[in-house]
Amino acid sequence: MRKAQPARVARGTAGVVGAIVIAELVVRTGLVDPEDVPPASTVLLSAAELAADTEYLTAVMDTVRAWLGGLLLATVVAVALGLLLNATPWLNNAARLVVELMRPVPSLALIPLALVTFSSLTQSKMSLVFYACAWPILINTLYALRDVDPVAKETLRSFGFGNLAVLLRVSLPSAAPFVATGVRIALSVGLVVVVSTELVAGAGEGVGGFLMESQTGGGQTDLMLAGAVWAGMLGLIANALMVAMERRAFRWHGTGAT
């Protein structure tokens, strides 16, 4: 597995470089008007400049604060709710229809409601991220707990351990890798939701607000795309950190994070 890692990184790097070259050629050859879409080299240069732009870094921190705050709250609530529903079959049956009805509701459709309900844009963003991220974590938690080996639980009970000990020693350790997968899925979902909320709100806050402002007053497409590049990098870095954490924390788990 470790020997294959450098080859995977090399292939990924080649893919990124190839995409940049193609994007550059598409503009340079006149297939796309450079007034509408700037060359990739110009976008990357603007992205490098943004890395030292305090205004943009402040916007990034605003986005990250709402993103990770909503994700953390969603993780705590969804895991706790999953444990409760798994331990209470009648409540699980009663809540199933509610979950199936609410889960497909797009978080972006709730942006007007969140903006009216909460006094600050940060609270609105966190609430929407919480709503969007809670579902994949809750579903993964429920399925993971449902698949815990019943023999292992009964064996522990036969030695006189109570329900709390079975939960802490068997159920949670067995479910943890799958819960972590749900959190990793929710990471990317939450980033999309928080940036989209900033774009729609139009309050000039966060990465979305920065992207919106870069298009006002005649428009600076290179700056807008550069900001979007860094927004994508945020998701990539967060996912990489999550994968590394899963591999270290769940080394005993056969599947591993990919």
C-alpha atoms as a PDB file:
ATOM      1  CA  MET A   1       0.000   0.000   0.000  1.00  0.00           C
ATOM      2  CA  ARG A   2       2.831   2.396   0.890  1.00  0.00           C
ATOM      3  CA  LYS A   3       4.727   1.538  -2.319  1.00  0.00           C
ATOM      4  CA  ALA A   4       1.692   2.478  -4.401  1.00  0.00           C
ATOM      5  CA  GLN A   5       1.355   5.883  -2.702  1.00  0.00           C
ATOM      6  CA  PRO A   6       4.116   7.709  -4.691  1.00  0.00           C
ATOM      7  CA  ALA A   7       2.675   6.393  -7.964  1.00  0.00           C
ATOM      8  CA  ARG A   8      -0.787   7.635  -6.980  1.00  0.00           C
ATOM      9  CA  VAL A   9       0.597  11.080  -6.107  1.00  0.00           C
ATOM     10  CA  ALA A  10       2.504  11.190  -9.400  1.00  0.00           C
ATOM     11  CA  ARG A  11      -0.617  10.310 -11.398  1.00  0.00           C
ATOM     12  CA  GLY A  12      -2.667  12.906  -9.523  1.00  0.00           C
ATOM     13  CA  THR A  13      -0.018  15.572 -10.105  1.00  0.00           C
ATOM     14  CA  ALA A  14       0.146  14.689 -13.805  1.00  0.00           C
ATOM     15  CA  GLY A  15      -3.634  15.004 -14.034  1.00  0.00           C
ATOM     16  CA  VAL A  16      -3.617  18.465 -12.439  1.00  0.00           C
ATOM     17  CA  VAL A  17      -0.764  19.681 -14.644  1.00  0.00           C
ATOM     18  CA  GLY A  18      -2.502  18.287 -17.717  1.00  0.00           C
ATOM     19  CA  ALA A  19      -5.751  20.064 -16.835  1.00  0.00           C
ATOM     20  CA  ILE A  20      -3.890  23.372 -16.356  1.00  0.00           C
ATOM     21  CA  VAL A  21      -2.088  23.000 -19.702  1.00  0.00           C
ATOM     22  CA  ILE A  22      -5.358  22.230 -21.506  1.00  0.00           C
ATOM     23  CA  ALA A  23      -7.104  25.200 -19.871  1.00  0.00           C
ATOM     24  CA  GLU A  24      -4.198  27.433 -20.908  1.00  0.00           C
ATOM     25  CA  LEU A  25      -4.233  26.197 -24.512  1.00  0.00           C
ATOM     26  CA  VAL A  26      -8.006  26.583 -24.833  1.00  0.00           C
ATOM     27  CA  VAL A  27      -7.690  30.298 -24.117  1.00  0.00           C
ATOM     28  CA  ARG A  28      -4.374  30.935 -25.904  1.00  0.00           C
ATOM     29  CA  THR A  29      -5.598  29.319 -29.118  1.00  0.00           C
ATOM     30  CA  GLY A  30      -8.694  31.515 -29.169  1.00  0.00           C
ATOM     31  CA  LEU A  31     -11.269  28.797 -28.541  1.00  0.00           C
ATOM     32  CA  VAL A  32     -12.439  30.890 -25.590  1.00  0.00           C
ATOM     33  CA  ASP A  33     -12.363  34.672 -25.431  1.00  0.00           C
ATOM     34  CA  PRO A  34      -9.714  35.731 -22.849  1.00  0.00           C
ATOM     35  CA  GLU A  35     -11.979  38.643 -21.937  1.00  0.00           C
ATOM     36  CA  ASP A  36     -14.518  36.113 -20.658  1.00  0.00           C
ATOM     37  CA  VAL A  37     -12.178  33.464 -19.221  1.00  0.00           C
ATOM     38  CA  PRO A  38      -8.544  34.410 -18.480  1.00  0.00           C
ATOM     39  CA  PRO A  39      -5.693  31.942 -19.124  1.00  0.00           C
ATOM     40  CA  ALA A  40      -4.871  29.433 -16.392  1.00  0.00           C
ATOM     41  CA  SER A  41      -1.451  31.057 -15.869  1.00  0.00           C
ATOM     42  CA  THR A  42      -3.115  34.390 -15.073  1.00  0.00           C
ATOM     43  CA  VAL A  43      -5.519  32.714 -12.636  1.00  0.00           C
ATOM     44  CA  LEU A  44      -2.668  30.906 -10.867  1.00  0.00           C
ATOM     45  CA  LEU A  45      -0.682  34.144 -10.613  1.00  0.00           C
ATOM     46  CA  SER A  46      -3.692  35.848  -9.033  1.00  0.00           C
ATOM     47  CA  ALA A  47      -4.108  32.878  -6.691  1.00  0.00           C
ATOM     48  CA  ALA A  48      -0.482  33.264  -5.565  1.00  0.00           C
ATOM     49  CA  GLU A  49      -1.083  36.947  -4.882  1.00  0.00           C
ATOM     50  CA  LEU A  50      -4.220  36.150  -2.881  1.00  0.00           C
ATOM     51  CA  ALA A  51      -2.142  33.972  -0.555  1.00  0.00           C
ATOM     52  CA  ALA A  52      -0.619  37.187   0.804  1.00  0.00           C
ATOM     53  CA  ASP A  53      -3.789  39.274   0.645  1.00  0.00           C
ATOM     54  CA  THR A  54      -4.951  39.972   4.210  1.00  0.00           C
ATOM     55  CA  GLU A  55      -8.471  40.834   3.039  1.00  0.00           C
ATOM     56  CA  TYR A  56      -8.861  37.481   1.339  1.00  0.00           C
ATOM     57  CA  LEU A  57      -7.276  35.591   4.255  1.00  0.00           C
ATOM     58  CA  THR A  58      -9.777  37.254   6.585  1.00  0.00           C
ATOM     59  CA  ALA A  59     -12.581  36.135   4.266  1.00  0.00           C
ATOM     60  CA  VAL A  60     -11.205  32.584   4.305  1.00  0.00           C
ATOM     61  CA  MET A  61     -11.147  32.560   8.096  1.00  0.00           C
ATOM     62  CA  ASP A  62     -14.790  33.710   8.185  1.00  0.00           C
ATOM     63  CA  THR A  63     -15.736  30.830   5.907  1.00  0.00           C
ATOM     64  CA  VAL A  64     -13.679  28.244   7.807  1.00  0.00           C
ATOM     65  CA  ARG A  65     -15.106  29.367  11.148  1.00  0.00           C
ATOM     66  CA  ALA A  66     -18.713  28.842  10.023  1.00  0.00           C
ATOM     67  CA  TRP A  67     -17.856  25.689   8.066  1.00  0.00           C
ATOM     68  CA  LEU A  68     -16.026  23.824  10.824  1.00  0.00           C
ATOM     69  CA  GLY A  69     -18.306  25.165  13.553  1.00  0.00           C
ATOM     70  CA  GLY A  70     -21.395  23.833  11.800  1.00  0.00           C
ATOM     71  CA  LEU A  71     -19.641  20.548  11.011  1.00  0.00           C
ATOM     72  CA  LEU A  72     -18.549  20.028  14.624  1.00  0.00           C
ATOM     73  CA  LEU A  73     -22.063  20.707  15.909  1.00  0.00           C
ATOM     74  CA  ALA A  74     -23.530  18.365  13.279  1.00  0.00           C
ATOM     75  CA  THR A  75     -21.102  15.597  14.266  1.00  0.00           C
ATOM     76  CA  VAL A  76     -21.943  15.806  17.964  1.00  0.00           C
ATOM     77  CA  VAL A  77     -25.707  15.968  17.429  1.00  0.00           C
ATOM     78  CA  ALA A  78     -25.890  13.374  14.635  1.00  0.00           C
ATOM     79  CA  VAL A  79     -23.777  10.789  16.468  1.00  0.00           C
ATOM     80  CA  ALA A  80     -25.735  11.294  19.705  1.00  0.00           C
ATOM     81  CA  LEU A  81     -29.032  11.039  17.827  1.00  0.00           C
ATOM     82  CA  GLY A  82     -27.824   7.936  16.006  1.00  0.00           C
ATOM     83  CA  LEU A  83     -26.943   6.269  19.307  1.00  0.00           C
ATOM     84  CA  LEU A  84     -30.342   7.191  20.750  1.00  0.00           C
ATOM     85  CA  LEU A  85     -32.288   5.904  17.739  1.00  0.00           C
ATOM     86  CA  ASN A  86     -30.283   2.697  17.614  1.00  0.00           C
ATOM     87  CA  ALA A  87     -30.885   2.029  21.316  1.00  0.00           C
ATOM     88  CA  THR A  88     -34.617   2.815  21.083  1.00  0.00           C
ATOM     89  CA  PRO A  89     -36.276   0.772  18.303  1.00  0.00           C
ATOM     90  CA  TRP A  90     -39.728   2.343  18.726  1.00  0.00           C
ATOM     91  CA  LEU A  91     -38.247   5.850  18.477  1.00  0.00           C
ATOM     92  CA  ASN A  92     -36.200   4.789  15.464  1.00  0.00           C
ATOM     93  CA  ASN A  93     -39.350   3.570  13.695  1.00  0.00           C
ATOM     94  CA  ALA A  94     -41.230   6.744  14.575  1.00  0.00           C
ATOM     95  CA  ALA A  95     -38.389   8.995  13.364  1.00  0.00           C
ATOM     96  CA  ARG A  96     -37.674   7.109  10.131  1.00  0.00           C
ATOM     97  CA  LEU A  97     -40.350   8.883   8.091  1.00  0.00           C
ATOM     98  CA  VAL A  98     -39.280  12.283   9.413  1.00  0.00           C
ATOM     99  CA  VAL A  99     -35.661  11.581   8.472  1.00  0.00           C
ATOM    100  CA  GLU A 100     -36.595  10.404   4.981  1.00  0.00           C
ATOM    101  CA  LEU A 101     -38.760  13.493   4.443  1.00  0.00           C
ATOM    102  CA  MET A 102     -36.223  16.042   5.663  1.00  0.00           C
ATOM    103  CA  ARG A 103     -33.029  14.512   4.293  1.00  0.00           C
ATOM    104  CA  PRO A 104     -33.723  15.305   0.608  1.00  0.00           C
ATOM    105  CA  VAL A 105     -34.588  18.966   1.310  1.00  0.00           C
ATOM    106  CA  PRO A 106     -31.755  21.030  -0.254  1.00  0.00           C
ATOM    107  CA  SER A 107     -29.939  23.143   2.313  1.00  0.00           C
ATOM    108  CA  LEU A 108     -29.687  25.990  -0.196  1.00  0.00           C
ATOM    109  CA  ALA A 109     -33.488  26.172  -0.352  1.00  0.00           C
ATOM    110  CA  LEU A 110     -33.433  27.089   3.340  1.00  0.00           C
ATOM    111  CA  ILE A 111     -31.098  30.073   2.926  1.00  0.00           C
ATOM    112  CA  PRO A 112     -33.915  32.700   3.012  1.00  0.00           C
ATOM    113  CA  LEU A 113     -35.355  31.100   6.155  1.00  0.00           C
ATOM    114  CA  ALA A 114     -31.957  31.023   7.867  1.00  0.00           C
ATOM    115  CA  LEU A 115     -31.236  34.656   6.989  1.00  0.00           C
ATOM    116  CA  VAL A 116     -34.571  35.728   8.479  1.00  0.00           C
ATOM    117  CA  THR A 117     -34.317  33.498  11.560  1.00  0.00           C
ATOM    118  CA  PHE A 118     -30.774  34.316  12.725  1.00  0.00           C
ATOM    119  CA  SER A 119     -29.426  37.737  13.577  1.00  0.00           C
ATOM    120  CA  SER A 120     -25.999  37.313  11.953  1.00  0.00           C
ATOM    121  CA  LEU A 121     -24.755  35.813   8.707  1.00  0.00           C
ATOM    122  CA  THR A 122     -22.307  33.614  10.620  1.00  0.00           C
ATOM    123  CA  GLN A 123     -25.144  32.006  12.572  1.00  0.00           C
ATOM    124  CA  SER A 124     -27.106  31.521   9.345  1.00  0.00           C
ATOM    125  CA  LYS A 125     -24.146  29.841   7.682  1.00  0.00           C
ATOM    126  CA  MET A 126     -23.481  27.572  10.648  1.00  0.00           C
ATOM    127  CA  SER A 127     -27.123  26.523  10.844  1.00  0.00           C
ATOM    128  CA  LEU A 128     -27.207  25.600   7.149  1.00  0.00           C
ATOM    129  CA  VAL A 129     -23.911  23.727   7.368  1.00  0.00           C
ATOM    130  CA  PHE A 130     -25.252  21.903  10.419  1.00  0.00           C
ATOM    131  CA  TYR A 131     -28.394  20.892   8.539  1.00  0.00           C
ATOM    132  CA  ALA A 132     -26.508  19.728   5.448  1.00  0.00           C
ATOM    133  CA  CYS A 133     -23.785  17.842   7.329  1.00  0.00           C
ATOM    134  CA  ALA A 134     -25.992  16.143   9.898  1.00  0.00           C
ATOM    135  CA  TRP A 135     -27.655  13.777   7.405  1.00  0.00           C
ATOM    136  CA  PRO A 136     -24.636  11.883   6.021  1.00  0.00           C
ATOM    137  CA  ILE A 137     -23.206  11.559   9.531  1.00  0.00           C
ATOM    138  CA  LEU A 138     -26.524  10.372  10.997  1.00  0.00           C
ATOM    139  CA  ILE A 139     -27.152   7.843   8.207  1.00  0.00           C
ATOM    140  CA  ASN A 140     -23.615   6.443   8.457  1.00  0.00           C
ATOM    141  CA  THR A 141     -23.924   6.210  12.232  1.00  0.00           C
ATOM    142  CA  LEU A 142     -27.231   4.329  12.056  1.00  0.00           C
ATOM    143  CA  TYR A 143     -26.003   1.845   9.470  1.00  0.00           C
ATOM    144  CA  ALA A 144     -22.702   1.333  11.295  1.00  0.00           C
ATOM    145  CA  LEU A 145     -24.406   0.631  14.619  1.00  0.00           C
ATOM    146  CA  ARG A 146     -26.866  -1.702  12.917  1.00  0.00           C
ATOM    147  CA  ASP A 147     -23.982  -3.779  11.522  1.00  0.00           C
ATOM    148  CA  VAL A 148     -22.087  -4.205  14.794  1.00  0.00           C
ATOM    149  CA  ASP A 149     -21.421  -7.892  15.435  1.00  0.00           C
ATOM    150  CA  PRO A 150     -24.181  -9.059  17.824  1.00  0.00           C
ATOM    151  CA  VAL A 151     -21.993 -11.953  19.007  1.00  0.00           C
ATOM    152  CA  ALA A 152     -19.396  -9.507  20.298  1.00  0.00           C
ATOM    153  CA  LYS A 153     -22.053  -7.581  22.211  1.00  0.00           C
ATOM    154  CA  GLU A 154     -23.622 -10.703  23.700  1.00  0.00           C
ATOM    155  CA  THR A 155     -20.199 -12.048  24.673  1.00  0.00           C
ATOM    156  CA  LEU A 156     -19.476  -8.893  26.639  1.00  0.00           C
ATOM    157  CA  ARG A 157     -22.883  -9.061  28.310  1.00  0.00           C
ATOM    158  CA  SER A 158     -22.271 -12.688  29.278  1.00  0.00           C
ATOM    159  CA  PHE A 159     -19.283 -11.509  31.298  1.00  0.00           C
ATOM    160  CA  GLY A 160     -21.521  -9.154  33.270  1.00  0.00           C
ATOM    161  CA  PHE A 161     -20.930  -5.900  31.402  1.00  0.00           C
ATOM    162  CA  GLY A 162     -23.846  -3.475  31.165  1.00  0.00           C
ATOM    163  CA  ASN A 163     -25.242  -1.577  28.196  1.00  0.00           C
ATOM    164  CA  LEU A 164     -22.918   1.400  28.677  1.00  0.00           C
ATOM    165  CA  ALA A 165     -19.841  -0.828  28.678  1.00  0.00           C
ATOM    166  CA  VAL A 166     -21.055  -2.644  25.556  1.00  0.00           C
ATOM    167  CA  LEU A 167     -21.599   0.723  23.870  1.00  0.00           C
ATOM    168  CA  LEU A 168     -18.143   2.047  24.774  1.00  0.00           C
ATOM    169  CA  ARG A 169     -16.185  -1.187  24.228  1.00  0.00           C
ATOM    170  CA  VAL A 170     -17.915  -2.693  21.183  1.00  0.00           C
ATOM    171  CA  SER A 171     -20.504  -0.530  19.424  1.00  0.00           C
ATOM    172  CA  LEU A 172     -18.657   2.784  19.238  1.00  0.00           C
ATOM    173  CA  PRO A 173     -15.238   1.337  18.247  1.00  0.00           C
ATOM    174  CA  SER A 174     -16.885  -0.784  15.538  1.00  0.00           C
ATOM    175  CA  ALA A 175     -18.944   2.115  14.199  1.00  0.00           C
ATOM    176  CA  ALA A 176     -16.237   4.783  14.450  1.00  0.00           C
ATOM    177  CA  PRO A 177     -14.589   4.209  11.011  1.00  0.00           C
ATOM    178  CA  PHE A 178     -17.946   4.489   9.254  1.00  0.00           C
ATOM    179  CA  VAL A 179     -18.909   7.565  11.266  1.00  0.00           C
ATOM    180  CA  ALA A 180     -15.581   9.123  10.216  1.00  0.00           C
ATOM    181  CA  THR A 181     -16.464   8.389   6.594  1.00  0.00           C
ATOM    182  CA  GLY A 182     -19.747  10.233   7.091  1.00  0.00           C
ATOM    183  CA  VAL A 183     -17.851  13.209   8.532  1.00  0.00           C
ATOM    184  CA  ARG A 184     -15.481  13.175   5.548  1.00  0.00           C
ATOM    185  CA  ILE A 185     -18.439  13.250   3.145  1.00  0.00           C
ATOM    186  CA  ALA A 186     -20.018  16.044   5.170  1.00  0.00           C
ATOM    187  CA  LEU A 187     -16.809  18.101   4.925  1.00  0.00           C
ATOM    188  CA  SER A 188     -17.209  18.743   1.210  1.00  0.00           C
ATOM    189  CA  VAL A 189     -20.975  19.197   1.506  1.00  0.00           C
ATOM    190  CA  GLY A 190     -20.509  21.797   4.234  1.00  0.00           C
ATOM    191  CA  LEU A 191     -17.963  23.773   2.212  1.00  0.00           C
ATOM    192  CA  VAL A 192     -20.317  23.990  -0.777  1.00  0.00           C
ATOM    193  CA  VAL A 193     -23.167  25.121   1.459  1.00  0.00           C
ATOM    194  CA  VAL A 194     -21.208  27.797   3.330  1.00  0.00           C
ATOM    195  CA  VAL A 195     -19.733  29.372   0.174  1.00  0.00           C
ATOM    196  CA  SER A 196     -23.110  29.227  -1.593  1.00  0.00           C
ATOM    197  CA  THR A 197     -24.774  30.933   1.375  1.00  0.00           C
ATOM    198  CA  GLU A 198     -22.187  33.712   1.272  1.00  0.00           C
ATOM    199  CA  LEU A 199     -22.806  34.156  -2.456  1.00  0.00           C
ATOM    200  CA  VAL A 200     -26.584  34.334  -2.077  1.00  0.00           C
ATOM    201  CA  ALA A 201     -26.554  36.525   1.047  1.00  0.00           C
ATOM    202  CA  GLY A 202     -24.490  39.162  -0.725  1.00  0.00           C
ATOM    203  CA  ALA A 203     -23.183  40.616   2.534  1.00  0.00           C
ATOM    204  CA  GLY A 204     -19.541  40.627   1.433  1.00  0.00           C
ATOM    205  CA  GLU A 205     -18.528  38.090   4.071  1.00  0.00           C
ATOM    206  CA  GLY A 206     -16.336  35.044   3.586  1.00  0.00           C
ATOM    207  CA  VAL A 207     -15.004  33.465   0.399  1.00  0.00           C
ATOM    208  CA  GLY A 208     -18.407  33.653  -1.282  1.00  0.00           C
ATOM    209  CA  GLY A 209     -18.673  37.357  -0.507  1.00  0.00           C
ATOM    210  CA  PHE A 210     -15.170  37.898  -1.881  1.00  0.00           C
ATOM    211  CA  LEU A 211     -16.079  36.073  -5.104  1.00  0.00           C
ATOM    212  CA  MET A 212     -19.207  38.182  -5.472  1.00  0.00           C
ATOM    213  CA  GLU A 213     -17.369  41.468  -4.880  1.00  0.00           C
ATOM    214  CA  SER A 214     -14.659  40.531  -7.394  1.00  0.00           C
ATOM    215  CA  GLN A 215     -17.341  40.550 -10.104  1.00  0.00           C
ATOM    216  CA  THR A 216     -18.714  43.987  -9.249  1.00  0.00           C
ATOM    217  CA  GLY A 217     -17.520  47.209 -10.820  1.00  0.00           C
ATOM    218  CA  GLY A 218     -16.662  45.732 -14.228  1.00  0.00           C
ATOM    219  CA  GLY A 219     -15.616  42.321 -12.969  1.00  0.00           C
ATOM    220  CA  GLN A 220     -12.234  40.740 -12.279  1.00  0.00           C
ATOM    221  CA  THR A 221     -12.693  37.199 -13.561  1.00  0.00           C
ATOM    222  CA  ASP A 222      -9.106  36.174 -12.849  1.00  0.00           C
ATOM    223  CA  LEU A 223      -9.525  37.236  -9.222  1.00  0.00           C
ATOM    224  CA  MET A 224     -12.844  35.426  -8.938  1.00  0.00           C
ATOM    225  CA  LEU A 225     -11.401  32.197 -10.365  1.00  0.00           C
ATOM    226  CA  ALA A 226      -8.322  32.537  -8.157  1.00  0.00           C
ATOM    227  CA  GLY A 227     -10.574  32.774  -5.114  1.00  0.00           C
ATOM    228  CA  ALA A 228     -12.470  29.715  -6.305  1.00  0.00           C
ATOM    229  CA  VAL A 229      -9.176  27.840  -6.696  1.00  0.00           C
ATOM    230  CA  TRP A 230      -8.320  28.490  -3.050  1.00  0.00           C
ATOM    231  CA  ALA A 231     -11.835  27.485  -2.011  1.00  0.00           C
ATOM    232  CA  GLY A 232     -11.258  24.168  -3.758  1.00  0.00           C
ATOM    233  CA  MET A 233      -7.880  23.847  -2.058  1.00  0.00           C
ATOM    234  CA  LEU A 234      -9.626  24.258   1.303  1.00  0.00           C
ATOM    235  CA  GLY A 235     -11.754  21.207   0.575  1.00  0.00           C
ATOM    236  CA  LEU A 236      -8.779  19.232  -0.729  1.00  0.00           C
ATOM    237  CA  ILE A 237      -6.653  19.989   2.334  1.00  0.00           C
ATOM    238  CA  ALA A 238      -9.499  19.212   4.742  1.00  0.00           C
ATOM    239  CA  ASN A 239     -10.169  15.882   3.013  1.00  0.00           C
ATOM    240  CA  ALA A 240      -6.460  14.971   3.055  1.00  0.00           C
ATOM    241  CA  LEU A 241      -6.213  15.729   6.772  1.00  0.00           C
ATOM    242  CA  MET A 242      -9.328  13.670   7.456  1.00  0.00           C
ATOM    243  CA  VAL A 243      -7.983  10.714   5.473  1.00  0.00           C
ATOM    244  CA  ALA A 244      -4.672  10.885   7.347  1.00  0.00           C
ATOM    245  CA  MET A 245      -6.505  10.988  10.674  1.00  0.00           C
ATOM    246  CA  GLU A 246      -8.642   7.977   9.712  1.00  0.00           C
ATOM    247  CA  ARG A 247      -5.605   5.951   8.690  1.00  0.00           C
ATOM    248  CA  ARG A 248      -3.827   6.716  11.932  1.00  0.00           C
ATOM    249  CA  ALA A 249      -6.830   6.313  14.242  1.00  0.00           C
ATOM    250  CA  PHE A 250      -8.316   3.238  12.552  1.00  0.00           C
ATOM    251  CA  ARG A 251      -5.164   1.408  11.509  1.00  0.00           C
ATOM    252  CA  TRP A 252      -6.762  -1.777  12.796  1.00  0.00           C
ATOM    253  CA  HIS A 253      -9.690  -1.405  10.395  1.00  0.00           C
ATOM    254  CA  GLY A 254      -9.265  -3.469   7.272  1.00  0.00           C
ATOM    255  CA  THR A 255     -10.732  -1.127   4.646  1.00  0.00           C
ATOM    256  CA  GLY A 256      -8.910   2.103   5.459  1.00  0.00           C
ATOM    257  CA  ALA A 257      -9.670   5.546   4.066  1.00  0.00           C
ATOM    258  CA  THR A 258      -9.215   6.270   0.392  1.00  0.00           C
END
